[in-house]
mmCIF file of all heavy atoms, coordinates in Angstrom:
data_MODEL
# 
_entry.id   MODEL 
# 
loop_
_atom_site.group_PDB 
_atom_site.id 
_atom_site.type_symbol 
_atom_site.label_atom_id 
_atom_site.label_alt_id 
_atom_site.label_comp_id 
_atom_site.label_asym_id 
_atom_site.label_entity_id 
_atom_site.label_seq_id 
_atom_site.pdbx_PDB_ins_code 
_atom_site.Cartn_x 
_atom_site.Cartn_y 
_atom_site.Cartn_z 
_atom_site.occupancy 
_atom_site.B_iso_or_equiv 
_atom_site.pdbx_formal_charge 
_atom_site.auth_seq_id 
_atom_site.auth_comp_id 
_atom_site.auth_asym_id 
_atom_site.auth_atom_id 
_atom_site.pdbx_PDB_model_num 
ATOM 1   N N   . ARG A 1 1  ? -1.133  -8.863  1.163   1.00 0.00 ? 1  ARG A N   1 
ATOM 2   C CA  . ARG A 1 1  ? 0.075   -8.374  0.485   1.00 0.00 ? 1  ARG A CA  1 
ATOM 3   C C   . ARG A 1 1  ? 0.427   -6.969  0.958   1.00 0.00 ? 1  ARG A C   1 
ATOM 4   O O   . ARG A 1 1  ? 1.602   -6.647  1.194   1.00 0.00 ? 1  ARG A O   1 
ATOM 5   C CB  . ARG A 1 1  ? -0.146  -8.378  -1.034  1.00 0.00 ? 1  ARG A CB  1 
ATOM 6   C CG  . ARG A 1 1  ? -0.046  -9.749  -1.675  1.00 0.00 ? 1  ARG A CG  1 
ATOM 7   C CD  . ARG A 1 1  ? -0.527  -9.714  -3.112  1.00 0.00 ? 1  ARG A CD  1 
ATOM 8   N NE  . ARG A 1 1  ? 0.110   -8.652  -3.890  1.00 0.00 ? 1  ARG A NE  1 
ATOM 9   C CZ  . ARG A 1 1  ? -0.367  -8.190  -5.051  1.00 0.00 ? 1  ARG A CZ  1 
ATOM 10  N NH1 . ARG A 1 1  ? -1.493  -8.682  -5.541  1.00 0.00 ? 1  ARG A NH1 1 
ATOM 11  N NH2 . ARG A 1 1  ? 0.277   -7.249  -5.704  1.00 0.00 ? 1  ARG A NH2 1 
ATOM 12  N N   . ALA A 1 2  ? -0.595  -6.132  1.095   1.00 0.00 ? 2  ALA A N   1 
ATOM 13  C CA  . ALA A 1 2  ? -0.354  -4.763  1.572   1.00 0.00 ? 2  ALA A CA  1 
ATOM 14  C C   . ALA A 1 2  ? 0.195   -4.769  2.993   1.00 0.00 ? 2  ALA A C   1 
ATOM 15  O O   . ALA A 1 2  ? 1.118   -4.011  3.319   1.00 0.00 ? 2  ALA A O   1 
ATOM 16  C CB  . ALA A 1 2  ? -1.653  -3.959  1.503   1.00 0.00 ? 2  ALA A CB  1 
ATOM 17  N N   . MET A 1 3  ? -0.355  -5.617  3.847   1.00 0.00 ? 3  MET A N   1 
ATOM 18  C CA  . MET A 1 3  ? 0.118   -5.707  5.230   1.00 0.00 ? 3  MET A CA  1 
ATOM 19  C C   . MET A 1 3  ? 1.576   -6.136  5.286   1.00 0.00 ? 3  MET A C   1 
ATOM 20  O O   . MET A 1 3  ? 2.376   -5.598  6.051   1.00 0.00 ? 3  MET A O   1 
ATOM 21  C CB  . MET A 1 3  ? -0.765  -6.687  6.012   1.00 0.00 ? 3  MET A CB  1 
ATOM 22  C CG  . MET A 1 3  ? -2.196  -6.192  6.212   1.00 0.00 ? 3  MET A CG  1 
ATOM 23  S SD  . MET A 1 3  ? -3.319  -7.509  6.724   1.00 0.00 ? 3  MET A SD  1 
ATOM 24  C CE  . MET A 1 3  ? -2.633  -7.936  8.322   1.00 0.00 ? 3  MET A CE  1 
ATOM 25  N N   . GLU A 1 4  ? 1.932   -7.112  4.453   1.00 0.00 ? 4  GLU A N   1 
ATOM 26  C CA  . GLU A 1 4  ? 3.317   -7.580  4.426   1.00 0.00 ? 4  GLU A CA  1 
ATOM 27  C C   . GLU A 1 4  ? 4.247   -6.484  3.925   1.00 0.00 ? 4  GLU A C   1 
ATOM 28  O O   . GLU A 1 4  ? 5.361   -6.306  4.447   1.00 0.00 ? 4  GLU A O   1 
ATOM 29  C CB  . GLU A 1 4  ? 3.426   -8.820  3.533   1.00 0.00 ? 4  GLU A CB  1 
ATOM 30  C CG  . GLU A 1 4  ? 4.821   -9.417  3.470   1.00 0.00 ? 4  GLU A CG  1 
ATOM 31  C CD  . GLU A 1 4  ? 5.335   -9.895  4.815   1.00 0.00 ? 4  GLU A CD  1 
ATOM 32  O OE1 . GLU A 1 4  ? 4.513   -10.172 5.720   1.00 0.00 ? 4  GLU A OE1 1 
ATOM 33  O OE2 . GLU A 1 4  ? 6.572   -9.977  4.965   1.00 0.00 ? 4  GLU A OE2 1 
ATOM 34  N N   . GLN A 1 5  ? 3.796   -5.741  2.940   1.00 0.00 ? 5  GLN A N   1 
ATOM 35  C CA  . GLN A 1 5  ? 4.614   -4.648  2.424   1.00 0.00 ? 5  GLN A CA  1 
ATOM 36  C C   . GLN A 1 5  ? 4.845   -3.581  3.489   1.00 0.00 ? 5  GLN A C   1 
ATOM 37  O O   . GLN A 1 5  ? 5.953   -3.058  3.634   1.00 0.00 ? 5  GLN A O   1 
ATOM 38  C CB  . GLN A 1 5  ? 3.936   -4.027  1.196   1.00 0.00 ? 5  GLN A CB  1 
ATOM 39  C CG  . GLN A 1 5  ? 4.774   -2.968  0.517   1.00 0.00 ? 5  GLN A CG  1 
ATOM 40  C CD  . GLN A 1 5  ? 4.155   -2.472  -0.771  1.00 0.00 ? 5  GLN A CD  1 
ATOM 41  O OE1 . GLN A 1 5  ? 3.344   -3.157  -1.384  1.00 0.00 ? 5  GLN A OE1 1 
ATOM 42  N NE2 . GLN A 1 5  ? 4.517   -1.270  -1.188  1.00 0.00 ? 5  GLN A NE2 1 
ATOM 43  N N   . LEU A 1 6  ? 3.806   -3.273  4.257   1.00 0.00 ? 6  LEU A N   1 
ATOM 44  C CA  . LEU A 1 6  ? 3.965   -2.289  5.330   1.00 0.00 ? 6  LEU A CA  1 
ATOM 45  C C   . LEU A 1 6  ? 4.921   -2.803  6.404   1.00 0.00 ? 6  LEU A C   1 
ATOM 46  O O   . LEU A 1 6  ? 5.749   -2.048  6.927   1.00 0.00 ? 6  LEU A O   1 
ATOM 47  C CB  . LEU A 1 6  ? 2.601   -1.973  5.940   1.00 0.00 ? 6  LEU A CB  1 
ATOM 48  C CG  . LEU A 1 6  ? 1.617   -1.207  5.042   1.00 0.00 ? 6  LEU A CG  1 
ATOM 49  C CD1 . LEU A 1 6  ? 0.257   -1.112  5.699   1.00 0.00 ? 6  LEU A CD1 1 
ATOM 50  C CD2 . LEU A 1 6  ? 2.151   0.184   4.722   1.00 0.00 ? 6  LEU A CD2 1 
ATOM 51  N N   . ARG A 1 7  ? 4.829   -4.084  6.730   1.00 0.00 ? 7  ARG A N   1 
ATOM 52  C CA  . ARG A 1 7  ? 5.698   -4.657  7.763   1.00 0.00 ? 7  ARG A CA  1 
ATOM 53  C C   . ARG A 1 7  ? 7.165   -4.630  7.353   1.00 0.00 ? 7  ARG A C   1 
ATOM 54  O O   . ARG A 1 7  ? 8.045   -4.443  8.191   1.00 0.00 ? 7  ARG A O   1 
ATOM 55  C CB  . ARG A 1 7  ? 5.287   -6.107  8.069   1.00 0.00 ? 7  ARG A CB  1 
ATOM 56  C CG  . ARG A 1 7  ? 4.176   -6.240  9.081   1.00 0.00 ? 7  ARG A CG  1 
ATOM 57  C CD  . ARG A 1 7  ? 4.077   -7.656  9.596   1.00 0.00 ? 7  ARG A CD  1 
ATOM 58  N NE  . ARG A 1 7  ? 3.793   -8.598  8.522   1.00 0.00 ? 7  ARG A NE  1 
ATOM 59  C CZ  . ARG A 1 7  ? 2.568   -8.939  8.136   1.00 0.00 ? 7  ARG A CZ  1 
ATOM 60  N NH1 . ARG A 1 7  ? 1.519   -8.406  8.731   1.00 0.00 ? 7  ARG A NH1 1 
ATOM 61  N NH2 . ARG A 1 7  ? 2.385   -9.804  7.173   1.00 0.00 ? 7  ARG A NH2 1 
ATOM 62  N N   . THR A 1 8  ? 7.433   -4.850  6.069   1.00 0.00 ? 8  THR A N   1 
ATOM 63  C CA  . THR A 1 8  ? 8.816   -4.960  5.621   1.00 0.00 ? 8  THR A CA  1 
ATOM 64  C C   . THR A 1 8  ? 9.412   -3.626  5.170   1.00 0.00 ? 8  THR A C   1 
ATOM 65  O O   . THR A 1 8  ? 10.589  -3.569  4.813   1.00 0.00 ? 8  THR A O   1 
ATOM 66  C CB  . THR A 1 8  ? 8.930   -5.981  4.475   1.00 0.00 ? 8  THR A CB  1 
ATOM 67  O OG1 . THR A 1 8  ? 8.016   -5.635  3.423   1.00 0.00 ? 8  THR A OG1 1 
ATOM 68  C CG2 . THR A 1 8  ? 8.605   -7.385  4.977   1.00 0.00 ? 8  THR A CG2 1 
ATOM 69  N N   . HIS A 1 9  ? 8.613   -2.572  5.176   1.00 0.00 ? 9  HIS A N   1 
ATOM 70  C CA  . HIS A 1 9  ? 9.107   -1.251  4.785   1.00 0.00 ? 9  HIS A CA  1 
ATOM 71  C C   . HIS A 1 9  ? 8.647   -0.203  5.799   1.00 0.00 ? 9  HIS A C   1 
ATOM 72  O O   . HIS A 1 9  ? 8.086   0.828   5.446   1.00 0.00 ? 9  HIS A O   1 
ATOM 73  C CB  . HIS A 1 9  ? 8.624   -0.886  3.381   1.00 0.00 ? 9  HIS A CB  1 
ATOM 74  C CG  . HIS A 1 9  ? 9.128   -1.807  2.313   1.00 0.00 ? 9  HIS A CG  1 
ATOM 75  N ND1 . HIS A 1 9  ? 8.479   -2.975  1.976   1.00 0.00 ? 9  HIS A ND1 1 
ATOM 76  C CD2 . HIS A 1 9  ? 10.240  -1.738  1.524   1.00 0.00 ? 9  HIS A CD2 1 
ATOM 77  C CE1 . HIS A 1 9  ? 9.159   -3.576  1.007   1.00 0.00 ? 9  HIS A CE1 1 
ATOM 78  N NE2 . HIS A 1 9  ? 10.224  -2.858  0.715   1.00 0.00 ? 9  HIS A NE2 1 
ATOM 79  N N   . LEU A 1 10 ? 8.900   -0.479  7.072   1.00 0.00 ? 10 LEU A N   1 
ATOM 80  C CA  . LEU A 1 10 ? 8.438   0.398   8.143   1.00 0.00 ? 10 LEU A CA  1 
ATOM 81  C C   . LEU A 1 10 ? 8.969   1.821   8.019   1.00 0.00 ? 10 LEU A C   1 
ATOM 82  O O   . LEU A 1 10 ? 8.288   2.779   8.399   1.00 0.00 ? 10 LEU A O   1 
ATOM 83  C CB  . LEU A 1 10 ? 8.857   -0.167  9.508   1.00 0.00 ? 10 LEU A CB  1 
ATOM 84  C CG  . LEU A 1 10 ? 8.145   -1.412  10.019  1.00 0.00 ? 10 LEU A CG  1 
ATOM 85  C CD1 . LEU A 1 10 ? 8.740   -1.822  11.346  1.00 0.00 ? 10 LEU A CD1 1 
ATOM 86  C CD2 . LEU A 1 10 ? 6.657   -1.153  10.157  1.00 0.00 ? 10 LEU A CD2 1 
ATOM 87  N N   . ASP A 1 11 ? 10.185  1.944   7.510   1.00 0.00 ? 11 ASP A N   1 
ATOM 88  C CA  . ASP A 1 11 ? 10.817  3.260   7.489   1.00 0.00 ? 11 ASP A CA  1 
ATOM 89  C C   . ASP A 1 11 ? 10.476  4.071   6.245   1.00 0.00 ? 11 ASP A C   1 
ATOM 90  O O   . ASP A 1 11 ? 10.915  5.218   6.112   1.00 0.00 ? 11 ASP A O   1 
ATOM 91  C CB  . ASP A 1 11 ? 12.335  3.106   7.591   1.00 0.00 ? 11 ASP A CB  1 
ATOM 92  C CG  . ASP A 1 11 ? 12.912  2.295   6.436   1.00 0.00 ? 11 ASP A CG  1 
ATOM 93  O OD1 . ASP A 1 11 ? 12.168  1.469   5.870   1.00 0.00 ? 11 ASP A OD1 1 
ATOM 94  O OD2 . ASP A 1 11 ? 14.092  2.481   6.097   1.00 0.00 ? 11 ASP A OD2 1 
ATOM 95  N N   . GLN A 1 12 ? 9.672   3.500   5.355   1.00 0.00 ? 12 GLN A N   1 
ATOM 96  C CA  . GLN A 1 12 ? 9.337   4.188   4.111   1.00 0.00 ? 12 GLN A CA  1 
ATOM 97  C C   . GLN A 1 12 ? 8.066   5.026   4.261   1.00 0.00 ? 12 GLN A C   1 
ATOM 98  O O   . GLN A 1 12 ? 7.165   4.670   5.025   1.00 0.00 ? 12 GLN A O   1 
ATOM 99  C CB  . GLN A 1 12 ? 9.145   3.178   2.979   1.00 0.00 ? 12 GLN A CB  1 
ATOM 100 C CG  . GLN A 1 12 ? 10.385  2.340   2.697   1.00 0.00 ? 12 GLN A CG  1 
ATOM 101 C CD  . GLN A 1 12 ? 11.562  3.191   2.286   1.00 0.00 ? 12 GLN A CD  1 
ATOM 102 O OE1 . GLN A 1 12 ? 11.448  4.031   1.394   1.00 0.00 ? 12 GLN A OE1 1 
ATOM 103 N NE2 . GLN A 1 12 ? 12.702  2.992   2.943   1.00 0.00 ? 12 GLN A NE2 1 
ATOM 104 N N   . PRO A 1 13 ? 7.972   6.144   3.542   1.00 0.00 ? 13 PRO A N   1 
ATOM 105 C CA  . PRO A 1 13 ? 6.739   6.948   3.582   1.00 0.00 ? 13 PRO A CA  1 
ATOM 106 C C   . PRO A 1 13 ? 5.548   6.124   3.113   1.00 0.00 ? 13 PRO A C   1 
ATOM 107 O O   . PRO A 1 13 ? 5.687   5.220   2.275   1.00 0.00 ? 13 PRO A O   1 
ATOM 108 C CB  . PRO A 1 13 ? 7.037   8.097   2.601   1.00 0.00 ? 13 PRO A CB  1 
ATOM 109 C CG  . PRO A 1 13 ? 8.520   8.149   2.505   1.00 0.00 ? 13 PRO A CG  1 
ATOM 110 C CD  . PRO A 1 13 ? 9.004   6.741   2.671   1.00 0.00 ? 13 PRO A CD  1 
ATOM 111 N N   . LEU A 1 14 ? 4.391   6.407   3.658   1.00 0.00 ? 14 LEU A N   1 
ATOM 112 C CA  . LEU A 1 14 ? 3.178   5.683   3.308   1.00 0.00 ? 14 LEU A CA  1 
ATOM 113 C C   . LEU A 1 14 ? 2.581   6.287   2.035   1.00 0.00 ? 14 LEU A C   1 
ATOM 114 O O   . LEU A 1 14 ? 2.086   7.415   2.050   1.00 0.00 ? 14 LEU A O   1 
ATOM 115 C CB  . LEU A 1 14 ? 2.173   5.767   4.467   1.00 0.00 ? 14 LEU A CB  1 
ATOM 116 C CG  . LEU A 1 14 ? 0.861   4.997   4.286   1.00 0.00 ? 14 LEU A CG  1 
ATOM 117 C CD1 . LEU A 1 14 ? 1.140   3.504   4.087   1.00 0.00 ? 14 LEU A CD1 1 
ATOM 118 C CD2 . LEU A 1 14 ? -0.036  5.210   5.500   1.00 0.00 ? 14 LEU A CD2 1 
ATOM 119 N N   . ARG A 1 15 ? 2.633   5.551   0.943   1.00 0.00 ? 15 ARG A N   1 
ATOM 120 C CA  . ARG A 1 15 ? 2.114   6.011   -0.349  1.00 0.00 ? 15 ARG A CA  1 
ATOM 121 C C   . ARG A 1 15 ? 0.865   5.190   -0.672  1.00 0.00 ? 15 ARG A C   1 
ATOM 122 O O   . ARG A 1 15 ? 0.927   4.188   -1.393  1.00 0.00 ? 15 ARG A O   1 
ATOM 123 C CB  . ARG A 1 15 ? 3.173   5.865   -1.425  1.00 0.00 ? 15 ARG A CB  1 
ATOM 124 C CG  . ARG A 1 15 ? 4.415   6.720   -1.178  1.00 0.00 ? 15 ARG A CG  1 
ATOM 125 C CD  . ARG A 1 15 ? 5.393   6.628   -2.341  1.00 0.00 ? 15 ARG A CD  1 
ATOM 126 N NE  . ARG A 1 15 ? 6.529   7.521   -2.164  1.00 0.00 ? 15 ARG A NE  1 
ATOM 127 C CZ  . ARG A 1 15 ? 7.681   7.172   -1.594  1.00 0.00 ? 15 ARG A CZ  1 
ATOM 128 N NH1 . ARG A 1 15 ? 7.827   5.936   -1.101  1.00 0.00 ? 15 ARG A NH1 1 
ATOM 129 N NH2 . ARG A 1 15 ? 8.666   8.043   -1.477  1.00 0.00 ? 15 ARG A NH2 1 
ATOM 130 N N   . LEU A 1 16 ? -0.254  5.614   -0.142  1.00 0.00 ? 16 LEU A N   1 
ATOM 131 C CA  . LEU A 1 16 ? -1.478  4.833   -0.237  1.00 0.00 ? 16 LEU A CA  1 
ATOM 132 C C   . LEU A 1 16 ? -1.983  4.702   -1.667  1.00 0.00 ? 16 LEU A C   1 
ATOM 133 O O   . LEU A 1 16 ? -2.416  3.624   -2.081  1.00 0.00 ? 16 LEU A O   1 
ATOM 134 C CB  . LEU A 1 16 ? -2.560  5.449   0.651   1.00 0.00 ? 16 LEU A CB  1 
ATOM 135 C CG  . LEU A 1 16 ? -2.308  5.342   2.160   1.00 0.00 ? 16 LEU A CG  1 
ATOM 136 C CD1 . LEU A 1 16 ? -3.393  6.061   2.931   1.00 0.00 ? 16 LEU A CD1 1 
ATOM 137 C CD2 . LEU A 1 16 ? -2.244  3.881   2.578   1.00 0.00 ? 16 LEU A CD2 1 
ATOM 138 N N   . GLU A 1 17 ? -1.968  5.796   -2.418  1.00 0.00 ? 17 GLU A N   1 
ATOM 139 C CA  . GLU A 1 17 ? -2.481  5.723   -3.780  1.00 0.00 ? 17 GLU A CA  1 
ATOM 140 C C   . GLU A 1 17 ? -1.647  4.773   -4.630  1.00 0.00 ? 17 GLU A C   1 
ATOM 141 O O   . GLU A 1 17 ? -2.186  3.983   -5.410  1.00 0.00 ? 17 GLU A O   1 
ATOM 142 C CB  . GLU A 1 17 ? -2.501  7.121   -4.407  1.00 0.00 ? 17 GLU A CB  1 
ATOM 143 C CG  . GLU A 1 17 ? -3.543  8.044   -3.781  1.00 0.00 ? 17 GLU A CG  1 
ATOM 144 C CD  . GLU A 1 17 ? -3.659  9.363   -4.535  1.00 0.00 ? 17 GLU A CD  1 
ATOM 145 O OE1 . GLU A 1 17 ? -2.968  9.519   -5.557  1.00 0.00 ? 17 GLU A OE1 1 
ATOM 146 O OE2 . GLU A 1 17 ? -4.443  10.217  -4.086  1.00 0.00 ? 17 GLU A OE2 1 
ATOM 147 N N   . GLU A 1 18 ? -0.328  4.832   -4.450  1.00 0.00 ? 18 GLU A N   1 
ATOM 148 C CA  . GLU A 1 18 ? 0.561   3.934   -5.181  1.00 0.00 ? 18 GLU A CA  1 
ATOM 149 C C   . GLU A 1 18 ? 0.319   2.482   -4.789  1.00 0.00 ? 18 GLU A C   1 
ATOM 150 O O   . GLU A 1 18 ? 0.278   1.583   -5.640  1.00 0.00 ? 18 GLU A O   1 
ATOM 151 C CB  . GLU A 1 18 ? 2.008   4.331   -4.896  1.00 0.00 ? 18 GLU A CB  1 
ATOM 152 C CG  . GLU A 1 18 ? 3.048   3.527   -5.639  1.00 0.00 ? 18 GLU A CG  1 
ATOM 153 C CD  . GLU A 1 18 ? 4.448   4.012   -5.328  1.00 0.00 ? 18 GLU A CD  1 
ATOM 154 O OE1 . GLU A 1 18 ? 4.670   5.244   -5.315  1.00 0.00 ? 18 GLU A OE1 1 
ATOM 155 O OE2 . GLU A 1 18 ? 5.329   3.141   -5.093  1.00 0.00 ? 18 GLU A OE2 1 
ATOM 156 N N   . MET A 1 19 ? 0.154   2.235   -3.494  1.00 0.00 ? 19 MET A N   1 
ATOM 157 C CA  . MET A 1 19 ? -0.090  0.878   -3.020  1.00 0.00 ? 19 MET A CA  1 
ATOM 158 C C   . MET A 1 19 ? -1.421  0.346   -3.546  1.00 0.00 ? 19 MET A C   1 
ATOM 159 O O   . MET A 1 19 ? -1.513  -0.802  -4.014  1.00 0.00 ? 19 MET A O   1 
ATOM 160 C CB  . MET A 1 19 ? -0.082  0.852   -1.484  1.00 0.00 ? 19 MET A CB  1 
ATOM 161 C CG  . MET A 1 19 ? -0.218  -0.529  -0.885  1.00 0.00 ? 19 MET A CG  1 
ATOM 162 S SD  . MET A 1 19 ? -0.089  -0.505  0.933   1.00 0.00 ? 19 MET A SD  1 
ATOM 163 C CE  . MET A 1 19 ? 1.650   -0.087  1.116   1.00 0.00 ? 19 MET A CE  1 
ATOM 164 N N   . ALA A 1 20 ? -2.467  1.163   -3.479  1.00 0.00 ? 20 ALA A N   1 
ATOM 165 C CA  . ALA A 1 20 ? -3.777  0.740   -3.980  1.00 0.00 ? 20 ALA A CA  1 
ATOM 166 C C   . ALA A 1 20 ? -3.705  0.421   -5.465  1.00 0.00 ? 20 ALA A C   1 
ATOM 167 O O   . ALA A 1 20 ? -4.280  -0.571  -5.929  1.00 0.00 ? 20 ALA A O   1 
ATOM 168 C CB  . ALA A 1 20 ? -4.808  1.837   -3.708  1.00 0.00 ? 20 ALA A CB  1 
ATOM 169 N N   . HIS A 1 21 ? -2.982  1.243   -6.214  1.00 0.00 ? 21 HIS A N   1 
ATOM 170 C CA  . HIS A 1 21 ? -2.845  1.020   -7.659  1.00 0.00 ? 21 HIS A CA  1 
ATOM 171 C C   . HIS A 1 21 ? -2.145  -0.306  -7.938  1.00 0.00 ? 21 HIS A C   1 
ATOM 172 O O   . HIS A 1 21 ? -2.566  -1.068  -8.823  1.00 0.00 ? 21 HIS A O   1 
ATOM 173 C CB  . HIS A 1 21 ? -2.065  2.177   -8.288  1.00 0.00 ? 21 HIS A CB  1 
ATOM 174 C CG  . HIS A 1 21 ? -1.834  2.001   -9.763  1.00 0.00 ? 21 HIS A CG  1 
ATOM 175 N ND1 . HIS A 1 21 ? -2.835  2.155   -10.696 1.00 0.00 ? 21 HIS A ND1 1 
ATOM 176 C CD2 . HIS A 1 21 ? -0.695  1.663   -10.455 1.00 0.00 ? 21 HIS A CD2 1 
ATOM 177 C CE1 . HIS A 1 21 ? -2.338  1.929   -11.903 1.00 0.00 ? 21 HIS A CE1 1 
ATOM 178 N NE2 . HIS A 1 21 ? -1.050  1.630   -11.781 1.00 0.00 ? 21 HIS A NE2 1 
ATOM 179 N N   . GLU A 1 22 ? -1.084  -0.601  -7.177  1.00 0.00 ? 22 GLU A N   1 
ATOM 180 C CA  . GLU A 1 22 ? -0.350  -1.854  -7.366  1.00 0.00 ? 22 GLU A CA  1 
ATOM 181 C C   . GLU A 1 22 ? -1.234  -3.063  -7.074  1.00 0.00 ? 22 GLU A C   1 
ATOM 182 O O   . GLU A 1 22 ? -1.039  -4.138  -7.644  1.00 0.00 ? 22 GLU A O   1 
ATOM 183 C CB  . GLU A 1 22 ? 0.881   -1.878  -6.459  1.00 0.00 ? 22 GLU A CB  1 
ATOM 184 C CG  . GLU A 1 22 ? 1.972   -0.909  -6.887  1.00 0.00 ? 22 GLU A CG  1 
ATOM 185 C CD  . GLU A 1 22 ? 3.119   -0.886  -5.901  1.00 0.00 ? 22 GLU A CD  1 
ATOM 186 O OE1 . GLU A 1 22 ? 3.014   -1.567  -4.851  1.00 0.00 ? 22 GLU A OE1 1 
ATOM 187 O OE2 . GLU A 1 22 ? 4.120   -0.183  -6.164  1.00 0.00 ? 22 GLU A OE2 1 
ATOM 188 N N   . LEU A 1 23 ? -2.196  -2.886  -6.186  1.00 0.00 ? 23 LEU A N   1 
ATOM 189 C CA  . LEU A 1 23 ? -3.100  -3.973  -5.819  1.00 0.00 ? 23 LEU A CA  1 
ATOM 190 C C   . LEU A 1 23 ? -4.319  -4.045  -6.724  1.00 0.00 ? 23 LEU A C   1 
ATOM 191 O O   . LEU A 1 23 ? -5.165  -4.931  -6.571  1.00 0.00 ? 23 LEU A O   1 
ATOM 192 C CB  . LEU A 1 23 ? -3.551  -3.815  -4.366  1.00 0.00 ? 23 LEU A CB  1 
ATOM 193 C CG  . LEU A 1 23 ? -2.449  -3.908  -3.306  1.00 0.00 ? 23 LEU A CG  1 
ATOM 194 C CD1 . LEU A 1 23 ? -2.993  -3.540  -1.937  1.00 0.00 ? 23 LEU A CD1 1 
ATOM 195 C CD2 . LEU A 1 23 ? -1.842  -5.302  -3.281  1.00 0.00 ? 23 LEU A CD2 1 
ATOM 196 N N   . GLY A 1 24 ? -4.431  -3.106  -7.649  1.00 0.00 ? 24 GLY A N   1 
ATOM 197 C CA  . GLY A 1 24 ? -5.569  -3.098  -8.556  1.00 0.00 ? 24 GLY A CA  1 
ATOM 198 C C   . GLY A 1 24 ? -6.857  -2.658  -7.896  1.00 0.00 ? 24 GLY A C   1 
ATOM 199 O O   . GLY A 1 24 ? -7.937  -3.130  -8.228  1.00 0.00 ? 24 GLY A O   1 
ATOM 200 N N   . MET A 1 25 ? -6.761  -1.728  -6.928  1.00 0.00 ? 25 MET A N   1 
ATOM 201 C CA  . MET A 1 25 ? -7.921  -1.270  -6.182  1.00 0.00 ? 25 MET A CA  1 
ATOM 202 C C   . MET A 1 25 ? -7.954  0.254   -6.199  1.00 0.00 ? 25 MET A C   1 
ATOM 203 O O   . MET A 1 25 ? -6.909  0.907   -6.292  1.00 0.00 ? 25 MET A O   1 
ATOM 204 C CB  . MET A 1 25 ? -7.878  -1.767  -4.726  1.00 0.00 ? 25 MET A CB  1 
ATOM 205 C CG  . MET A 1 25 ? -7.745  -3.267  -4.581  1.00 0.00 ? 25 MET A CG  1 
ATOM 206 S SD  . MET A 1 25 ? -7.443  -3.784  -2.861  1.00 0.00 ? 25 MET A SD  1 
ATOM 207 C CE  . MET A 1 25 ? -9.048  -3.489  -2.155  1.00 0.00 ? 25 MET A CE  1 
ATOM 208 N N   . SER A 1 26 ? -9.150  0.802   -6.067  1.00 0.00 ? 26 SER A N   1 
ATOM 209 C CA  . SER A 1 26 ? -9.251  2.244   -5.870  1.00 0.00 ? 26 SER A CA  1 
ATOM 210 C C   . SER A 1 26 ? -8.809  2.565   -4.450  1.00 0.00 ? 26 SER A C   1 
ATOM 211 O O   . SER A 1 26 ? -8.790  1.682   -3.578  1.00 0.00 ? 26 SER A O   1 
ATOM 212 C CB  . SER A 1 26 ? -10.687 2.717   -6.083  1.00 0.00 ? 26 SER A CB  1 
ATOM 213 O OG  . SER A 1 26 ? -11.523 2.235   -5.044  1.00 0.00 ? 26 SER A OG  1 
ATOM 214 N N   . LEU A 1 27 ? -8.463  3.820   -4.195  1.00 0.00 ? 27 LEU A N   1 
ATOM 215 C CA  . LEU A 1 27 ? -8.014  4.208   -2.862  1.00 0.00 ? 27 LEU A CA  1 
ATOM 216 C C   . LEU A 1 27 ? -9.114  3.987   -1.830  1.00 0.00 ? 27 LEU A C   1 
ATOM 217 O O   . LEU A 1 27 ? -8.858  3.474   -0.737  1.00 0.00 ? 27 LEU A O   1 
ATOM 218 C CB  . LEU A 1 27 ? -7.580  5.676   -2.860  1.00 0.00 ? 27 LEU A CB  1 
ATOM 219 C CG  . LEU A 1 27 ? -7.011  6.206   -1.535  1.00 0.00 ? 27 LEU A CG  1 
ATOM 220 C CD1 . LEU A 1 27 ? -5.807  5.389   -1.098  1.00 0.00 ? 27 LEU A CD1 1 
ATOM 221 C CD2 . LEU A 1 27 ? -6.633  7.685   -1.682  1.00 0.00 ? 27 LEU A CD2 1 
ATOM 222 N N   . SER A 1 28 ? -10.345 4.335   -2.166  1.00 0.00 ? 28 SER A N   1 
ATOM 223 C CA  . SER A 1 28 ? -11.457 4.167   -1.222  1.00 0.00 ? 28 SER A CA  1 
ATOM 224 C C   . SER A 1 28 ? -11.718 2.686   -0.946  1.00 0.00 ? 28 SER A C   1 
ATOM 225 O O   . SER A 1 28 ? -11.973 2.297   0.199   1.00 0.00 ? 28 SER A O   1 
ATOM 226 C CB  . SER A 1 28 ? -12.718 4.844   -1.759  1.00 0.00 ? 28 SER A CB  1 
ATOM 227 O OG  . SER A 1 28 ? -13.093 4.288   -2.998  1.00 0.00 ? 28 SER A OG  1 
ATOM 228 N N   . ALA A 1 29 ? -11.629 1.839   -1.981  1.00 0.00 ? 29 ALA A N   1 
ATOM 229 C CA  . ALA A 1 29 ? -11.840 0.401   -1.787  1.00 0.00 ? 29 ALA A CA  1 
ATOM 230 C C   . ALA A 1 29 ? -10.726 -0.200  -0.941  1.00 0.00 ? 29 ALA A C   1 
ATOM 231 O O   . ALA A 1 29 ? -10.965 -1.051  -0.080  1.00 0.00 ? 29 ALA A O   1 
ATOM 232 C CB  . ALA A 1 29 ? -11.924 -0.304  -3.133  1.00 0.00 ? 29 ALA A CB  1 
ATOM 233 N N   . PHE A 1 30 ? -9.494  0.270   -1.179  1.00 0.00 ? 30 PHE A N   1 
ATOM 234 C CA  . PHE A 1 30 ? -8.367  -0.210  -0.396  1.00 0.00 ? 30 PHE A CA  1 
ATOM 235 C C   . PHE A 1 30 ? -8.564  0.097   1.080   1.00 0.00 ? 30 PHE A C   1 
ATOM 236 O O   . PHE A 1 30 ? -8.406  -0.771  1.942   1.00 0.00 ? 30 PHE A O   1 
ATOM 237 C CB  . PHE A 1 30 ? -7.082  0.433   -0.913  1.00 0.00 ? 30 PHE A CB  1 
ATOM 238 C CG  . PHE A 1 30 ? -5.857  0.072   -0.125  1.00 0.00 ? 30 PHE A CG  1 
ATOM 239 C CD1 . PHE A 1 30 ? -5.498  -1.250  0.086   1.00 0.00 ? 30 PHE A CD1 1 
ATOM 240 C CD2 . PHE A 1 30 ? -5.049  1.072   0.414   1.00 0.00 ? 30 PHE A CD2 1 
ATOM 241 C CE1 . PHE A 1 30 ? -4.361  -1.575  0.819   1.00 0.00 ? 30 PHE A CE1 1 
ATOM 242 C CE2 . PHE A 1 30 ? -3.913  0.753   1.134   1.00 0.00 ? 30 PHE A CE2 1 
ATOM 243 C CZ  . PHE A 1 30 ? -3.566  -0.570  1.345   1.00 0.00 ? 30 PHE A CZ  1 
# 
């Protein structure tokens, strides 16, 4: 899911903490 989100939002800033939270994972686990 994260990979697909990155592919479809190439021009958006990379918000890793937000993405990890949406996936239910800690940043380090992500």
